[in-house]
Amino acid sequence: MAGLFITGTDTNVGKTLVTAGLAAYLREHGVDAGVMKPVESGGLSGAPSSDSVFLKKISQSSDDLDLINTYAFEPPLAPGVAAALEGVEISFDRILESFRRLELLHRTVLVEGAGGLRVPMGPKRCVSDLIAALEIPVLVVARMGLGTINHTLLTLEALERREIPVAGIVLNCDRKEADPSAKHNLKTLAEWTSVPIWGVIAHLDRPRDRREILGKIKVGIGAAVERYFGIA
């Protein structure tokens, strides 16, 4: 089973939540899913608040953290910028090596990106270049609020231009109070793209609680996940 790269239309749209919740849901349904956050910035590797630690905890992965997370940079900046400040060059070969090792350990591997497609990963390299190197399809996570139609369609257009296959779109309610656009976004996106819309993940009152995450994943996108991964 091929891996899946989880990208976003922007930063802080819910990629980590979706990646962790999706991995946990797959494991609950008998699919051994590994997780990977190749590059993250804004904290030290292994910090309790880091994305990679959250992925490991919620997915209940037994993999070593250095296999899940290849690079971690302290400055809260685009990875390529943070890497340059720390005198480090992000090696796609090193990331691919970790990914291949995870592929041998799991039935599928969920890889969470950093920010959106055009976030710099080094000189003349961005997240979409990493996706192309991994050769896996993409799941796009988008906000449910105002502006998401433009952001989502631009993201899909960029993926199409690179001939990167798209598995689907997930809309995440990152705010408790929905704005007036929310009730129109699903219908409008469906009119503008043929990419499958997996569903909507409702706002979480406890976004670090595994049980609540699993519940919202099941209700919001569970059926689409089961279809895509062939879960009986």
C-alpha atoms as a PDB file:
ATOM      1  CA  MET A   1       0.000   0.000   0.000  1.00  0.00           C
ATOM      2  CA  ALA A   2       1.410   3.375  -1.009  1.00  0.00           C
ATOM      3  CA  GLY A   3       2.176   6.025   1.562  1.00  0.00           C
ATOM      4  CA  LEU A   4       0.294   9.297   1.816  1.00  0.00           C
ATOM      5  CA  PHE A   5       1.682  12.822   2.134  1.00  0.00           C
ATOM      6  CA  ILE A   6      -0.446  15.211   4.180  1.00  0.00           C
ATOM      7  CA  THR A   7      -0.015  18.810   3.049  1.00  0.00           C
ATOM      8  CA  GLY A   8      -1.958  21.948   3.852  1.00  0.00           C
ATOM      9  CA  THR A   9      -3.217  25.067   2.173  1.00  0.00           C
ATOM     10  CA  ASP A  10      -1.317  27.046   4.825  1.00  0.00           C
ATOM     11  CA  THR A  11       0.386  26.616   8.172  1.00  0.00           C
ATOM     12  CA  ASN A  12      -1.739  25.757  11.225  1.00  0.00           C
ATOM     13  CA  VAL A  13      -4.636  24.350   9.201  1.00  0.00           C
ATOM     14  CA  GLY A  14      -4.653  21.004  11.046  1.00  0.00           C
ATOM     15  CA  LYS A  15      -2.125  18.818   9.212  1.00  0.00           C
ATOM     16  CA  THR A  16      -0.690  17.359  12.418  1.00  0.00           C
ATOM     17  CA  LEU A  17      -4.134  16.623  13.817  1.00  0.00           C
ATOM     18  CA  VAL A  18      -5.243  14.917  10.598  1.00  0.00           C
ATOM     19  CA  THR A  19      -2.018  12.914  10.245  1.00  0.00           C
ATOM     20  CA  ALA A  20      -2.082  11.706  13.848  1.00  0.00           C
ATOM     21  CA  GLY A  21      -5.815  11.023  13.834  1.00  0.00           C
ATOM     22  CA  LEU A  22      -5.687   9.219  10.506  1.00  0.00           C
ATOM     23  CA  ALA A  23      -2.832   6.986  11.687  1.00  0.00           C
ATOM     24  CA  ALA A  24      -4.663   6.209  14.924  1.00  0.00           C
ATOM     25  CA  TYR A  25      -7.888   5.443  13.045  1.00  0.00           C
ATOM     26  CA  LEU A  26      -6.104   3.117  10.626  1.00  0.00           C
ATOM     27  CA  ARG A  27      -4.423   1.276  13.482  1.00  0.00           C
ATOM     28  CA  GLU A  28      -7.776   0.896  15.254  1.00  0.00           C
ATOM     29  CA  HIS A  29      -9.037  -0.754  12.052  1.00  0.00           C
ATOM     30  CA  GLY A  30      -6.153  -3.179  11.663  1.00  0.00           C
ATOM     31  CA  VAL A  31      -3.969  -1.195   9.257  1.00  0.00           C
ATOM     32  CA  ASP A  32      -0.393  -0.805  10.510  1.00  0.00           C
ATOM     33  CA  ALA A  33       0.292   2.859   9.724  1.00  0.00           C
ATOM     34  CA  GLY A  34       3.605   4.546  10.411  1.00  0.00           C
ATOM     35  CA  VAL A  35       3.988   8.305  10.821  1.00  0.00           C
ATOM     36  CA  MET A  36       6.691  10.705   9.725  1.00  0.00           C
ATOM     37  CA  LYS A  37       7.357  14.419  10.131  1.00  0.00           C
ATOM     38  CA  PRO A  38      10.576  14.775   8.127  1.00  0.00           C
ATOM     39  CA  VAL A  39      11.181  18.431   8.916  1.00  0.00           C
ATOM     40  CA  GLU A  40       9.772  20.665  11.620  1.00  0.00           C
ATOM     41  CA  SER A  41      10.726  24.053  12.970  1.00  0.00           C
ATOM     42  CA  GLY A  42       9.829  26.027  16.053  1.00  0.00           C
ATOM     43  CA  GLY A  43      11.193  23.633  18.657  1.00  0.00           C
ATOM     44  CA  LEU A  44      13.868  21.141  19.603  1.00  0.00           C
ATOM     45  CA  SER A  45      13.690  17.511  18.537  1.00  0.00           C
ATOM     46  CA  GLY A  46      11.827  15.466  21.117  1.00  0.00           C
ATOM     47  CA  ALA A  47      10.280  18.459  22.868  1.00  0.00           C
ATOM     48  CA  PRO A  48       6.925  17.495  24.441  1.00  0.00           C
ATOM     49  CA  SER A  49       5.126  20.121  22.354  1.00  0.00           C
ATOM     50  CA  SER A  50       6.688  19.072  19.042  1.00  0.00           C
ATOM     51  CA  ASP A  51       4.600  17.756  16.160  1.00  0.00           C
ATOM     52  CA  SER A  52       6.659  14.580  15.919  1.00  0.00           C
ATOM     53  CA  VAL A  53       6.076  13.713  19.593  1.00  0.00           C
ATOM     54  CA  PHE A  54       2.336  14.345  19.113  1.00  0.00           C
ATOM     55  CA  LEU A  55       2.273  12.076  16.043  1.00  0.00           C
ATOM     56  CA  LYS A  56       4.088   9.323  17.916  1.00  0.00           C
ATOM     57  CA  LYS A  57       1.810   9.602  20.953  1.00  0.00           C
ATOM     58  CA  ILE A  58      -1.572   9.751  19.206  1.00  0.00           C
ATOM     59  CA  SER A  59      -0.702   7.058  16.648  1.00  0.00           C
ATOM     60  CA  GLN A  60       0.851   4.938  19.418  1.00  0.00           C
ATOM     61  CA  SER A  61       3.884   4.355  17.225  1.00  0.00           C
ATOM     62  CA  SER A  62       6.779   2.352  18.639  1.00  0.00           C
ATOM     63  CA  ASP A  63       9.247   3.765  16.105  1.00  0.00           C
ATOM     64  CA  ASP A  64      12.238   5.759  17.304  1.00  0.00           C
ATOM     65  CA  LEU A  65      11.686   9.506  17.230  1.00  0.00           C
ATOM     66  CA  ASP A  66      14.767  10.064  15.053  1.00  0.00           C
ATOM     67  CA  LEU A  67      13.138   7.855  12.411  1.00  0.00           C
ATOM     68  CA  ILE A  68       9.878   9.798  12.595  1.00  0.00           C
ATOM     69  CA  ASN A  69      11.598  13.195  12.568  1.00  0.00           C
ATOM     70  CA  THR A  70      14.704  13.674  10.415  1.00  0.00           C
ATOM     71  CA  TYR A  71      15.278  17.396  11.023  1.00  0.00           C
ATOM     72  CA  ALA A  72      14.135  19.747  13.793  1.00  0.00           C
ATOM     73  CA  PHE A  73      15.044  23.425  13.956  1.00  0.00           C
ATOM     74  CA  GLU A  74      14.509  25.773  16.880  1.00  0.00           C
ATOM     75  CA  PRO A  75      13.601  29.009  15.030  1.00  0.00           C
ATOM     76  CA  PRO A  76       9.845  29.202  14.220  1.00  0.00           C
ATOM     77  CA  LEU A  77      10.528  29.871  10.545  1.00  0.00           C
ATOM     78  CA  ALA A  78      10.143  28.132   7.197  1.00  0.00           C
ATOM     79  CA  PRO A  79      12.345  25.009   7.389  1.00  0.00           C
ATOM     80  CA  GLY A  80      14.705  26.160   4.647  1.00  0.00           C
ATOM     81  CA  VAL A  81      15.219  29.505   6.375  1.00  0.00           C
ATOM     82  CA  ALA A  82      15.632  27.913   9.817  1.00  0.00           C
ATOM     83  CA  ALA A  83      18.087  25.367   8.405  1.00  0.00           C
ATOM     84  CA  ALA A  84      20.197  28.101   6.805  1.00  0.00           C
ATOM     85  CA  LEU A  85      20.343  30.019  10.089  1.00  0.00           C
ATOM     86  CA  GLU A  86      21.610  26.884  11.835  1.00  0.00           C
ATOM     87  CA  GLY A  87      24.103  26.101   9.063  1.00  0.00           C
ATOM     88  CA  VAL A  88      22.330  22.900   8.019  1.00  0.00           C
ATOM     89  CA  GLU A  89      21.380  21.688   4.551  1.00  0.00           C
ATOM     90  CA  ILE A  90      18.226  19.578   4.411  1.00  0.00           C
ATOM     91  CA  SER A  91      19.070  16.360   2.560  1.00  0.00           C
ATOM     92  CA  PHE A  92      16.217  14.747   0.649  1.00  0.00           C
ATOM     93  CA  ASP A  93      18.312  11.577   0.393  1.00  0.00           C
ATOM     94  CA  ARG A  94      18.424  11.341   4.181  1.00  0.00           C
ATOM     95  CA  ILE A  95      14.655  11.867   4.406  1.00  0.00           C
ATOM     96  CA  LEU A  96      14.060   9.242   1.713  1.00  0.00           C
ATOM     97  CA  GLU A  97      16.257   6.774   3.588  1.00  0.00           C
ATOM     98  CA  SER A  98      14.126   7.177   6.731  1.00  0.00           C
ATOM     99  CA  PHE A  99      10.941   6.900   4.679  1.00  0.00           C
ATOM    100  CA  ARG A 100      12.113   3.660   3.034  1.00  0.00           C
ATOM    101  CA  ARG A 101      12.949   2.211   6.452  1.00  0.00           C
ATOM    102  CA  LEU A 102       9.466   3.082   7.706  1.00  0.00           C
ATOM    103  CA  GLU A 103       7.941   1.524   4.572  1.00  0.00           C
ATOM    104  CA  LEU A 104       9.602  -1.769   5.489  1.00  0.00           C
ATOM    105  CA  LEU A 105       8.130  -1.608   8.988  1.00  0.00           C
ATOM    106  CA  HIS A 106       4.550  -0.643   8.158  1.00  0.00           C
ATOM    107  CA  ARG A 107       1.750  -1.341   5.715  1.00  0.00           C
ATOM    108  CA  THR A 108       1.501   2.373   4.947  1.00  0.00           C
ATOM    109  CA  VAL A 109       3.343   5.529   6.032  1.00  0.00           C
ATOM    110  CA  LEU A 110       1.703   8.921   6.582  1.00  0.00           C
ATOM    111  CA  VAL A 111       4.107  11.799   5.996  1.00  0.00           C
ATOM    112  CA  GLU A 112       3.231  15.248   7.318  1.00  0.00           C
ATOM    113  CA  GLY A 113       4.653  18.233   5.484  1.00  0.00           C
ATOM    114  CA  ALA A 114       5.590  21.672   6.773  1.00  0.00           C
ATOM    115  CA  GLY A 115       3.201  24.507   5.934  1.00  0.00           C
ATOM    116  CA  GLY A 116       2.062  24.485   2.308  1.00  0.00           C
ATOM    117  CA  LEU A 117       3.489  23.318  -1.007  1.00  0.00           C
ATOM    118  CA  ARG A 118       5.782  26.269  -1.661  1.00  0.00           C
ATOM    119  CA  VAL A 119       7.384  26.448   1.768  1.00  0.00           C
ATOM    120  CA  PRO A 120      11.182  26.547   1.225  1.00  0.00           C
ATOM    121  CA  MET A 121      13.169  23.449   2.174  1.00  0.00           C
ATOM    122  CA  GLY A 122      16.490  24.832   1.002  1.00  0.00           C
ATOM    123  CA  PRO A 123      17.970  26.692  -1.971  1.00  0.00           C
ATOM    124  CA  LYS A 124      15.517  26.348  -4.882  1.00  0.00           C
ATOM    125  CA  ARG A 125      13.705  23.487  -3.143  1.00  0.00           C
ATOM    126  CA  CYS A 126      10.273  23.440  -1.542  1.00  0.00           C
ATOM    127  CA  VAL A 127       7.761  21.000  -0.057  1.00  0.00           C
ATOM    128  CA  SER A 128       6.358  20.019  -3.459  1.00  0.00           C
ATOM    129  CA  ASP A 129       9.852  18.907  -4.506  1.00  0.00           C
ATOM    130  CA  LEU A 130       9.980  16.610  -1.481  1.00  0.00           C
ATOM    131  CA  ILE A 131       6.577  15.138  -2.377  1.00  0.00           C
ATOM    132  CA  ALA A 132       7.788  14.477  -5.924  1.00  0.00           C
ATOM    133  CA  ALA A 133      10.891  12.747  -4.541  1.00  0.00           C
ATOM    134  CA  LEU A 134       8.799  10.519  -2.254  1.00  0.00           C
ATOM    135  CA  GLU A 135       6.497   9.580  -5.160  1.00  0.00           C
ATOM    136  CA  ILE A 136       3.362   9.227  -3.045  1.00  0.00           C
ATOM    137  CA  PRO A 137      -0.109  10.775  -3.386  1.00  0.00           C
ATOM    138  CA  VAL A 138      -1.229  13.793  -1.395  1.00  0.00           C
ATOM    139  CA  LEU A 139      -4.064  14.510   0.999  1.00  0.00           C
ATOM    140  CA  VAL A 140      -4.805  18.239   1.196  1.00  0.00           C
ATOM    141  CA  VAL A 141      -5.922  19.691   4.534  1.00  0.00           C
ATOM    142  CA  ALA A 142      -7.731  23.015   4.360  1.00  0.00           C
ATOM    143  CA  ARG A 143      -9.484  25.343   6.766  1.00  0.00           C
ATOM    144  CA  MET A 144     -13.258  25.410   6.781  1.00  0.00           C
ATOM    145  CA  GLY A 145     -13.454  29.220   6.948  1.00  0.00           C
ATOM    146  CA  LEU A 146     -13.474  32.161   4.587  1.00  0.00           C
ATOM    147  CA  GLY A 147     -10.679  32.083   1.995  1.00  0.00           C
ATOM    148  CA  THR A 148     -10.406  28.314   1.850  1.00  0.00           C
ATOM    149  CA  ILE A 149     -11.872  28.024  -1.658  1.00  0.00           C
ATOM    150  CA  ASN A 150      -9.115  30.147  -3.175  1.00  0.00           C
ATOM    151  CA  HIS A 151      -6.357  28.539  -1.084  1.00  0.00           C
ATOM    152  CA  THR A 152      -7.549  25.008  -1.819  1.00  0.00           C
ATOM    153  CA  LEU A 153      -7.971  25.490  -5.569  1.00  0.00           C
ATOM    154  CA  LEU A 154      -4.539  27.128  -5.843  1.00  0.00           C
ATOM    155  CA  THR A 155      -3.015  24.181  -3.966  1.00  0.00           C
ATOM    156  CA  LEU A 156      -4.737  21.685  -6.271  1.00  0.00           C
ATOM    157  CA  GLU A 157      -3.599  23.647  -9.315  1.00  0.00           C
ATOM    158  CA  ALA A 158       0.008  23.545  -8.119  1.00  0.00           C
ATOM    159  CA  LEU A 159      -0.192  19.782  -7.546  1.00  0.00           C
ATOM    160  CA  GLU A 160      -1.718  19.223 -10.974  1.00  0.00           C
ATOM    161  CA  ARG A 161       1.062  21.249 -12.574  1.00  0.00           C
ATOM    162  CA  ARG A 162       3.630  18.964 -10.928  1.00  0.00           C
ATOM    163  CA  GLU A 163       1.579  15.880 -11.925  1.00  0.00           C
ATOM    164  CA  ILE A 164       1.342  14.832  -8.280  1.00  0.00           C
ATOM    165  CA  PRO A 165      -1.711  12.613  -7.623  1.00  0.00           C
ATOM    166  CA  VAL A 166      -4.211  13.894  -5.061  1.00  0.00           C
ATOM    167  CA  ALA A 167      -6.076  11.389  -2.890  1.00  0.00           C
ATOM    168  CA  GLY A 168      -8.530  13.870  -1.478  1.00  0.00           C
ATOM    169  CA  ILE A 169      -9.346  17.004   0.486  1.00  0.00           C
ATOM    170  CA  VAL A 170     -10.127  17.271   4.198  1.00  0.00           C
ATOM    171  CA  LEU A 171     -11.711  20.407   5.635  1.00  0.00           C
ATOM    172  CA  ASN A 172     -10.803  21.088   9.260  1.00  0.00           C
ATOM    173  CA  CYS A 173     -12.783  23.352  11.579  1.00  0.00           C
ATOM    174  CA  ASP A 174      -9.938  25.095  13.385  1.00  0.00           C
ATOM    175  CA  ARG A 175     -12.315  27.499  15.143  1.00  0.00           C
ATOM    176  CA  LYS A 176     -15.236  26.756  17.436  1.00  0.00           C
ATOM    177  CA  GLU A 177     -17.467  29.391  15.883  1.00  0.00           C
ATOM    178  CA  ALA A 178     -17.938  28.858  12.134  1.00  0.00           C
ATOM    179  CA  ASP A 179     -18.018  31.915   9.877  1.00  0.00           C
ATOM    180  CA  PRO A 180     -20.847  32.395   7.325  1.00  0.00           C
ATOM    181  CA  SER A 181     -18.778  30.841   4.511  1.00  0.00           C
ATOM    182  CA  ALA A 182     -18.604  27.427   6.181  1.00  0.00           C
ATOM    183  CA  LYS A 183     -22.007  26.203   4.994  1.00  0.00           C
ATOM    184  CA  HIS A 184     -21.103  26.985   1.362  1.00  0.00           C
ATOM    185  CA  ASN A 185     -17.490  25.751   1.162  1.00  0.00           C
ATOM    186  CA  LEU A 186     -18.135  22.039   0.605  1.00  0.00           C
ATOM    187  CA  LYS A 187     -20.665  22.592  -2.166  1.00  0.00           C
ATOM    188  CA  THR A 188     -18.539  25.233  -3.902  1.00  0.00           C
ATOM    189  CA  LEU A 189     -15.368  23.147  -3.821  1.00  0.00           C
ATOM    190  CA  ALA A 190     -17.269  20.154  -5.210  1.00  0.00           C
ATOM    191  CA  GLU A 191     -18.414  22.334  -8.119  1.00  0.00           C
ATOM    192  CA  TRP A 192     -14.868  23.480  -8.889  1.00  0.00           C
ATOM    193  CA  THR A 193     -12.867  20.275  -8.548  1.00  0.00           C
ATOM    194  CA  SER A 194     -13.269  16.561  -9.205  1.00  0.00           C
ATOM    195  CA  VAL A 195     -10.858  15.700  -6.368  1.00  0.00           C
ATOM    196  CA  PRO A 196     -12.723  13.648  -3.730  1.00  0.00           C
ATOM    197  CA  ILE A 197     -13.685  15.630  -0.645  1.00  0.00           C
ATOM    198  CA  TRP A 198     -13.243  13.220   2.243  1.00  0.00           C
ATOM    199  CA  GLY A 199     -15.306  15.278   4.667  1.00  0.00           C
ATOM    200  CA  VAL A 200     -15.163  17.788   7.491  1.00  0.00           C
ATOM    201  CA  ILE A 201     -13.475  17.365  10.863  1.00  0.00           C
ATOM    202  CA  ALA A 202     -15.449  19.199  13.536  1.00  0.00           C
ATOM    203  CA  HIS A 203     -13.733  21.502  16.017  1.00  0.00           C
ATOM    204  CA  LEU A 204     -12.072  19.669  18.899  1.00  0.00           C
ATOM    205  CA  ASP A 205     -12.549  20.922  22.446  1.00  0.00           C
ATOM    206  CA  ARG A 206      -9.549  18.827  23.537  1.00  0.00           C
ATOM    207  CA  PRO A 207      -7.226  18.753  20.505  1.00  0.00           C
ATOM    208  CA  ARG A 208      -4.610  16.597  22.245  1.00  0.00           C
ATOM    209  CA  ASP A 209      -7.061  13.967  23.478  1.00  0.00           C
ATOM    210  CA  ARG A 210      -6.723  10.725  21.509  1.00  0.00           C
ATOM    211  CA  ARG A 211     -10.263   9.535  22.145  1.00  0.00           C
ATOM    212  CA  GLU A 212     -11.824  12.795  20.977  1.00  0.00           C
ATOM    213  CA  ILE A 213      -9.572  12.893  17.917  1.00  0.00           C
ATOM    214  CA  LEU A 214     -10.584   9.347  16.946  1.00  0.00           C
ATOM    215  CA  GLY A 215     -14.249  10.204  17.402  1.00  0.00           C
ATOM    216  CA  LYS A 216     -14.064  13.290  15.182  1.00  0.00           C
ATOM    217  CA  ILE A 217     -12.064  11.410  12.527  1.00  0.00           C
ATOM    218  CA  LYS A 218     -14.666   8.615  12.478  1.00  0.00           C
ATOM    219  CA  VAL A 219     -17.628  10.963  12.118  1.00  0.00           C
ATOM    220  CA  GLY A 220     -15.974  13.399   9.724  1.00  0.00           C
ATOM    221  CA  ILE A 221     -13.894  11.309   7.326  1.00  0.00           C
ATOM    222  CA  GLY A 222     -14.118   7.704   8.528  1.00  0.00           C
ATOM    223  CA  ALA A 223     -16.104   6.418   5.546  1.00  0.00           C
ATOM    224  CA  ALA A 224     -13.722   8.034   3.049  1.00  0.00           C
ATOM    225  CA  VAL A 225     -10.677   6.672   4.894  1.00  0.00           C
ATOM    226  CA  GLU A 226     -12.111   3.163   4.825  1.00  0.00           C
ATOM    227  CA  ARG A 227     -12.853   3.405   1.097  1.00  0.00           C
ATOM    228  CA  TYR A 228      -9.414   4.762   0.225  1.00  0.00           C
ATOM    229  CA  PHE A 229      -7.463   2.225   2.262  1.00  0.00           C
ATOM    230  CA  GLY A 230      -9.769  -0.680   1.425  1.00  0.00           C
ATOM    231  CA  ILE A 231     -10.860  -1.381   4.978  1.00  0.00           C
ATOM    232  CA  ALA A 232     -13.687  -3.918   5.061  1.00  0.00           C
END
